[in-house]
């Protein structure tokens, strides 16, 4: 798995690809934590468009990132969540903690405003 990271209007956009399972979970965790650590109020958007599978360890990483970012008054949003990942999030009853957006532009506008 590889994660591309870019910045747009103060929002770190992470674009993982492949499967978020096994060693890839640690890679994603490191990418997210580096963005959280780099900001006083982190604004992170994770684009799942190129992710085809995620296991419970990946979900745990997202939960931990959410907690850490929230403690710093940050926010984490997600876009392009595929059916398999969405089902995992819904089944685990965690769907309400992630901010879902319809597009990258909507997400960046909302997250960068501090809303």
N, C-alpha and C. Protein backbone atom coordinates (compact mmCIF):
# COMPACT_ATOMS: atom_id res chain seq x y z
N UNK A 1 0.84 -1.18 0.00
CA UNK A 1 0.00 0.00 0.00
C UNK A 1 0.89 1.24 0.00
N UNK A 2 0.47 2.22 -0.73
CA UNK A 2 1.16 3.51 -0.74
C UNK A 2 0.14 4.59 -0.43
N UNK A 3 0.57 5.62 0.27
CA UNK A 3 -0.33 6.73 0.58
C UNK A 3 0.27 8.02 0.05
N UNK A 4 -0.44 8.66 -0.85
CA UNK A 4 -0.05 9.97 -1.36
C UNK A 4 -0.61 11.01 -0.40
N UNK A 5 0.21 12.02 -0.08
CA UNK A 5 -0.23 13.10 0.80
C UNK A 5 -0.02 14.41 0.09
N UNK A 6 -1.05 15.23 0.05
CA UNK A 6 -0.92 16.57 -0.51
C UNK A 6 -1.72 17.54 0.35
N UNK A 7 -1.44 18.82 0.19
CA UNK A 7 -2.10 19.85 0.97
C UNK A 7 -2.98 20.70 0.06
N UNK A 8 -4.13 21.11 0.59
CA UNK A 8 -5.00 22.01 -0.16
C UNK A 8 -5.75 22.87 0.85
N UNK A 9 -5.51 24.17 0.83
CA UNK A 9 -6.18 25.13 1.72
C UNK A 9 -6.11 24.72 3.19
N UNK A 10 -4.95 24.25 3.62
CA UNK A 10 -4.76 23.90 5.02
C UNK A 10 -5.27 22.52 5.41
N UNK A 11 -5.73 21.76 4.43
CA UNK A 11 -6.23 20.41 4.68
C UNK A 11 -5.23 19.41 4.10
N UNK A 12 -4.81 18.44 4.91
CA UNK A 12 -3.94 17.36 4.42
C UNK A 12 -4.84 16.31 3.79
N UNK A 13 -4.61 16.02 2.53
CA UNK A 13 -5.41 15.03 1.81
C UNK A 13 -4.57 13.77 1.66
N UNK A 14 -5.03 12.69 2.29
CA UNK A 14 -4.34 11.41 2.22
C UNK A 14 -5.08 10.51 1.26
N UNK A 15 -4.33 9.90 0.34
CA UNK A 15 -4.92 9.03 -0.66
C UNK A 15 -4.24 7.66 -0.62
N UNK A 16 -4.68 6.80 0.30
CA UNK A 16 -4.11 5.45 0.33
C UNK A 16 -4.60 4.65 -0.87
N UNK A 17 -3.86 3.62 -1.23
CA UNK A 17 -4.31 2.76 -2.32
C UNK A 17 -4.03 1.30 -1.96
N UNK A 18 -4.88 0.43 -2.47
CA UNK A 18 -4.72 -1.00 -2.20
C UNK A 18 -5.55 -1.45 -1.02
N UNK A 19 -4.99 -2.40 -0.29
CA UNK A 19 -5.69 -2.97 0.86
C UNK A 19 -5.09 -2.41 2.15
N UNK A 20 -5.94 -1.98 3.05
CA UNK A 20 -5.49 -1.50 4.36
C UNK A 20 -5.64 -2.67 5.33
N UNK A 21 -4.61 -3.52 5.30
CA UNK A 21 -4.59 -4.73 6.11
C UNK A 21 -3.13 -5.03 6.43
N UNK A 22 -2.88 -5.72 7.53
CA UNK A 22 -1.53 -6.14 7.88
C UNK A 22 -0.57 -4.97 8.01
N UNK A 23 0.59 -5.07 7.36
CA UNK A 23 1.62 -4.04 7.45
C UNK A 23 1.14 -2.69 6.91
N UNK A 24 0.21 -2.71 5.98
CA UNK A 24 -0.31 -1.46 5.40
C UNK A 24 -1.00 -0.60 6.45
N UNK A 25 -1.54 -1.22 7.49
CA UNK A 25 -2.20 -0.47 8.57
C UNK A 25 -1.19 0.43 9.26
N UNK A 26 0.00 -0.10 9.53
CA UNK A 26 1.06 0.69 10.18
C UNK A 26 1.49 1.84 9.29
N UNK A 27 1.58 1.60 7.98
CA UNK A 27 1.96 2.66 7.05
C UNK A 27 0.92 3.79 7.06
N UNK A 28 -0.35 3.42 7.05
CA UNK A 28 -1.40 4.44 7.08
C UNK A 28 -1.37 5.18 8.41
N UNK A 29 -1.19 4.46 9.50
CA UNK A 29 -1.12 5.08 10.83
C UNK A 29 -0.01 6.13 10.87
N UNK A 30 1.16 5.77 10.36
CA UNK A 30 2.29 6.70 10.34
C UNK A 30 1.98 7.94 9.51
N UNK A 31 1.33 7.75 8.36
CA UNK A 31 0.99 8.88 7.49
C UNK A 31 0.01 9.82 8.19
N UNK A 32 -0.99 9.26 8.86
CA UNK A 32 -1.98 10.08 9.55
C UNK A 32 -1.36 10.79 10.75
N UNK A 33 -0.61 10.05 11.56
CA UNK A 33 0.00 10.63 12.76
C UNK A 33 0.95 11.77 12.39
N UNK A 34 1.70 11.61 11.30
CA UNK A 34 2.63 12.68 10.90
C UNK A 34 1.87 13.96 10.57
N UNK A 35 0.69 13.81 9.98
CA UNK A 35 -0.12 15.00 9.65
C UNK A 35 -0.75 15.61 10.91
N UNK A 36 -1.16 14.77 11.84
CA UNK A 36 -1.72 15.27 13.10
C UNK A 36 -0.65 16.00 13.89
N UNK A 37 0.55 15.42 13.95
CA UNK A 37 1.65 16.02 14.71
C UNK A 37 2.12 17.34 14.10
N UNK A 38 1.93 17.50 12.80
CA UNK A 38 2.43 18.68 12.09
C UNK A 38 1.54 19.91 12.26
N UNK A 39 0.42 19.78 12.94
CA UNK A 39 -0.51 20.90 13.02
C UNK A 39 -1.08 21.06 14.43
N UNK A 40 -1.36 22.30 14.80
CA UNK A 40 -2.01 22.56 16.09
C UNK A 40 -3.48 22.16 16.05
N UNK A 41 -4.13 22.34 14.92
CA UNK A 41 -5.52 21.92 14.72
C UNK A 41 -5.60 21.18 13.39
N UNK A 42 -5.24 19.89 13.40
CA UNK A 42 -5.16 19.16 12.13
C UNK A 42 -6.50 19.04 11.40
N UNK A 43 -6.42 19.23 10.11
CA UNK A 43 -7.57 19.04 9.23
C UNK A 43 -7.12 18.01 8.20
N UNK A 44 -7.75 16.84 8.25
CA UNK A 44 -7.32 15.73 7.41
C UNK A 44 -8.51 15.18 6.64
N UNK A 45 -8.27 14.91 5.36
CA UNK A 45 -9.27 14.28 4.51
C UNK A 45 -8.66 12.99 3.98
N UNK A 46 -9.36 11.89 4.16
CA UNK A 46 -8.88 10.61 3.65
C UNK A 46 -9.77 10.20 2.48
N UNK A 47 -9.14 10.05 1.32
CA UNK A 47 -9.85 9.66 0.11
C UNK A 47 -9.68 8.16 -0.09
N UNK A 48 -10.77 7.41 0.04
CA UNK A 48 -10.73 5.95 -0.06
C UNK A 48 -10.99 5.44 -1.48
N UNK A 49 -10.92 6.31 -2.46
CA UNK A 49 -11.25 5.93 -3.84
C UNK A 49 -10.43 4.73 -4.34
N UNK A 50 -9.15 4.65 -3.97
CA UNK A 50 -8.28 3.58 -4.47
C UNK A 50 -8.05 2.48 -3.44
N UNK A 51 -8.90 2.43 -2.41
CA UNK A 51 -8.80 1.37 -1.39
C UNK A 51 -9.92 0.36 -1.65
N UNK A 52 -9.54 -0.90 -1.81
CA UNK A 52 -10.57 -1.89 -2.11
C UNK A 52 -10.91 -2.78 -0.92
N UNK A 53 -10.11 -2.70 0.16
CA UNK A 53 -10.42 -3.53 1.33
C UNK A 53 -9.74 -2.94 2.56
N UNK A 54 -10.41 -3.10 3.70
CA UNK A 54 -9.84 -2.67 4.97
C UNK A 54 -10.33 -3.63 6.03
N UNK A 55 -9.44 -3.99 6.97
CA UNK A 55 -9.85 -4.88 8.04
C UNK A 55 -10.08 -4.10 9.33
N UNK A 56 -10.36 -4.81 10.40
CA UNK A 56 -10.67 -4.15 11.67
C UNK A 56 -9.47 -3.39 12.23
N UNK A 57 -8.25 -3.82 11.90
CA UNK A 57 -7.06 -3.08 12.33
C UNK A 57 -7.01 -1.70 11.67
N UNK A 58 -7.39 -1.65 10.40
CA UNK A 58 -7.46 -0.37 9.69
C UNK A 58 -8.50 0.53 10.32
N UNK A 59 -9.63 -0.06 10.67
CA UNK A 59 -10.68 0.71 11.33
C UNK A 59 -10.20 1.23 12.68
N UNK A 60 -9.46 0.40 13.40
CA UNK A 60 -8.90 0.83 14.69
C UNK A 60 -7.94 1.99 14.51
N UNK A 61 -7.17 1.96 13.44
CA UNK A 61 -6.25 3.07 13.15
C UNK A 61 -7.04 4.35 12.91
N UNK A 62 -8.12 4.26 12.16
CA UNK A 62 -8.95 5.45 11.91
C UNK A 62 -9.56 5.97 13.21
N UNK A 63 -9.99 5.05 14.06
CA UNK A 63 -10.56 5.46 15.36
C UNK A 63 -9.51 6.19 16.20
N UNK A 64 -8.32 5.62 16.28
CA UNK A 64 -7.25 6.24 17.05
C UNK A 64 -6.89 7.61 16.50
N UNK A 65 -6.86 7.73 15.17
CA UNK A 65 -6.56 9.02 14.54
C UNK A 65 -7.64 10.04 14.87
N UNK A 66 -8.89 9.59 14.85
CA UNK A 66 -10.00 10.48 15.18
C UNK A 66 -9.86 11.01 16.61
N UNK A 67 -9.57 10.13 17.54
CA UNK A 67 -9.41 10.52 18.95
C UNK A 67 -8.26 11.51 19.10
N UNK A 68 -7.11 11.20 18.49
CA UNK A 68 -5.94 12.05 18.60
C UNK A 68 -6.19 13.43 17.98
N UNK A 69 -6.79 13.44 16.80
CA UNK A 69 -7.07 14.71 16.12
C UNK A 69 -8.07 15.54 16.92
N UNK A 70 -9.09 14.89 17.47
CA UNK A 70 -10.12 15.60 18.24
C UNK A 70 -9.53 16.25 19.49
N UNK A 71 -8.59 15.59 20.11
CA UNK A 71 -7.92 16.16 21.29
C UNK A 71 -7.19 17.45 20.95
N UNK A 72 -6.77 17.58 19.69
CA UNK A 72 -6.07 18.78 19.24
C UNK A 72 -7.04 19.74 18.53
N UNK A 73 -8.34 19.53 18.75
CA UNK A 73 -9.39 20.32 18.10
C UNK A 73 -9.34 20.20 16.57
N UNK A 74 -8.89 19.05 16.11
CA UNK A 74 -8.81 18.78 14.68
C UNK A 74 -10.03 18.03 14.18
N UNK A 75 -10.03 17.80 12.88
CA UNK A 75 -11.14 17.10 12.25
C UNK A 75 -10.62 16.16 11.18
N UNK A 76 -11.30 15.04 11.02
CA UNK A 76 -10.95 14.08 9.97
C UNK A 76 -12.21 13.79 9.15
N UNK A 77 -12.09 13.97 7.86
CA UNK A 77 -13.19 13.69 6.95
C UNK A 77 -12.82 12.57 6.01
N UNK A 78 -13.84 11.94 5.41
CA UNK A 78 -13.61 10.87 4.45
C UNK A 78 -14.45 11.10 3.21
N UNK A 79 -13.91 10.66 2.07
CA UNK A 79 -14.66 10.70 0.82
C UNK A 79 -14.42 9.39 0.07
N UNK A 80 -15.33 9.12 -0.87
CA UNK A 80 -15.22 7.95 -1.74
C UNK A 80 -15.06 6.64 -0.98
N UNK A 81 -15.89 6.47 0.04
CA UNK A 81 -15.85 5.25 0.84
C UNK A 81 -16.64 4.17 0.10
N UNK A 82 -15.95 3.12 -0.30
CA UNK A 82 -16.58 2.04 -1.04
C UNK A 82 -17.51 1.21 -0.17
N UNK A 83 -18.29 0.37 -0.82
CA UNK A 83 -19.30 -0.43 -0.13
C UNK A 83 -18.71 -1.31 0.97
N UNK A 84 -17.60 -1.99 0.71
CA UNK A 84 -17.03 -2.90 1.70
C UNK A 84 -16.59 -2.15 2.96
N UNK A 85 -15.92 -1.02 2.78
CA UNK A 85 -15.46 -0.24 3.92
C UNK A 85 -16.64 0.40 4.65
N UNK A 86 -17.59 0.89 3.89
CA UNK A 86 -18.77 1.49 4.51
C UNK A 86 -19.51 0.46 5.36
N UNK A 87 -19.64 -0.76 4.85
CA UNK A 87 -20.30 -1.83 5.62
C UNK A 87 -19.56 -2.10 6.93
N UNK A 88 -18.22 -2.11 6.88
CA UNK A 88 -17.42 -2.33 8.08
C UNK A 88 -17.68 -1.22 9.11
N UNK A 89 -17.70 0.01 8.64
CA UNK A 89 -17.92 1.14 9.54
C UNK A 89 -19.33 1.11 10.12
N UNK A 90 -20.31 0.80 9.30
CA UNK A 90 -21.70 0.74 9.77
C UNK A 90 -21.89 -0.40 10.77
N UNK A 91 -21.35 -1.60 10.43
CA UNK A 91 -21.49 -2.75 11.33
C UNK A 91 -20.85 -2.50 12.69
N UNK A 92 -19.77 -1.74 12.70
CA UNK A 92 -19.09 -1.46 13.97
C UNK A 92 -19.73 -0.28 14.72
N UNK A 93 -20.79 0.26 14.14
CA UNK A 93 -21.54 1.38 14.74
C UNK A 93 -20.68 2.62 14.95
N UNK A 94 -19.75 2.84 14.04
CA UNK A 94 -18.86 4.00 14.13
C UNK A 94 -19.14 5.02 13.03
N UNK A 95 -20.20 4.79 12.27
CA UNK A 95 -20.47 5.63 11.11
C UNK A 95 -20.64 7.10 11.48
N UNK A 96 -21.15 7.39 12.66
CA UNK A 96 -21.44 8.77 13.02
C UNK A 96 -20.21 9.58 13.43
N UNK A 97 -19.07 8.94 13.70
CA UNK A 97 -17.92 9.72 14.15
C UNK A 97 -17.10 10.29 12.99
N UNK A 98 -17.25 9.73 11.80
CA UNK A 98 -16.51 10.22 10.66
C UNK A 98 -17.33 11.21 9.86
N UNK A 99 -16.71 12.31 9.47
CA UNK A 99 -17.39 13.30 8.64
C UNK A 99 -17.30 12.83 7.20
N UNK A 100 -18.46 12.59 6.59
CA UNK A 100 -18.51 12.11 5.21
C UNK A 100 -18.83 13.28 4.29
N UNK A 101 -18.15 13.33 3.15
CA UNK A 101 -18.38 14.39 2.18
C UNK A 101 -18.59 13.78 0.81
N UNK A 102 -19.31 14.50 -0.05
CA UNK A 102 -19.62 14.01 -1.39
C UNK A 102 -18.48 14.21 -2.36
N UNK A 103 -17.65 15.24 -2.11
CA UNK A 103 -16.56 15.52 -3.04
C UNK A 103 -15.38 16.12 -2.28
N UNK A 104 -14.23 16.10 -2.93
CA UNK A 104 -13.04 16.69 -2.33
C UNK A 104 -13.23 18.19 -2.11
N UNK A 105 -13.82 18.87 -3.08
CA UNK A 105 -14.00 20.32 -2.94
C UNK A 105 -14.92 20.66 -1.78
N UNK A 106 -16.01 19.91 -1.61
CA UNK A 106 -16.91 20.13 -0.47
C UNK A 106 -16.17 19.90 0.85
N UNK A 107 -15.38 18.84 0.89
CA UNK A 107 -14.66 18.49 2.11
C UNK A 107 -13.63 19.54 2.47
N UNK A 108 -12.84 19.96 1.51
CA UNK A 108 -11.80 20.97 1.78
C UNK A 108 -12.44 22.27 2.22
N UNK A 109 -13.53 22.66 1.57
CA UNK A 109 -14.21 23.90 1.95
C UNK A 109 -14.70 23.83 3.39
N UNK A 110 -15.32 22.74 3.75
CA UNK A 110 -15.88 22.59 5.10
C UNK A 110 -14.79 22.44 6.15
N UNK A 111 -13.80 21.57 5.89
CA UNK A 111 -12.74 21.34 6.88
C UNK A 111 -11.85 22.56 7.07
N UNK A 112 -11.56 23.29 6.00
CA UNK A 112 -10.67 24.45 6.11
C UNK A 112 -11.35 25.62 6.79
N UNK A 113 -12.68 25.65 6.79
CA UNK A 113 -13.40 26.75 7.43
C UNK A 113 -13.41 26.59 8.95
N UNK A 114 -13.07 25.41 9.42
CA UNK A 114 -13.07 25.17 10.86
C UNK A 114 -14.44 24.82 11.39
N UNK A 115 -15.47 24.94 10.54
CA UNK A 115 -16.87 24.67 10.83
C UNK A 115 -17.10 23.84 11.98
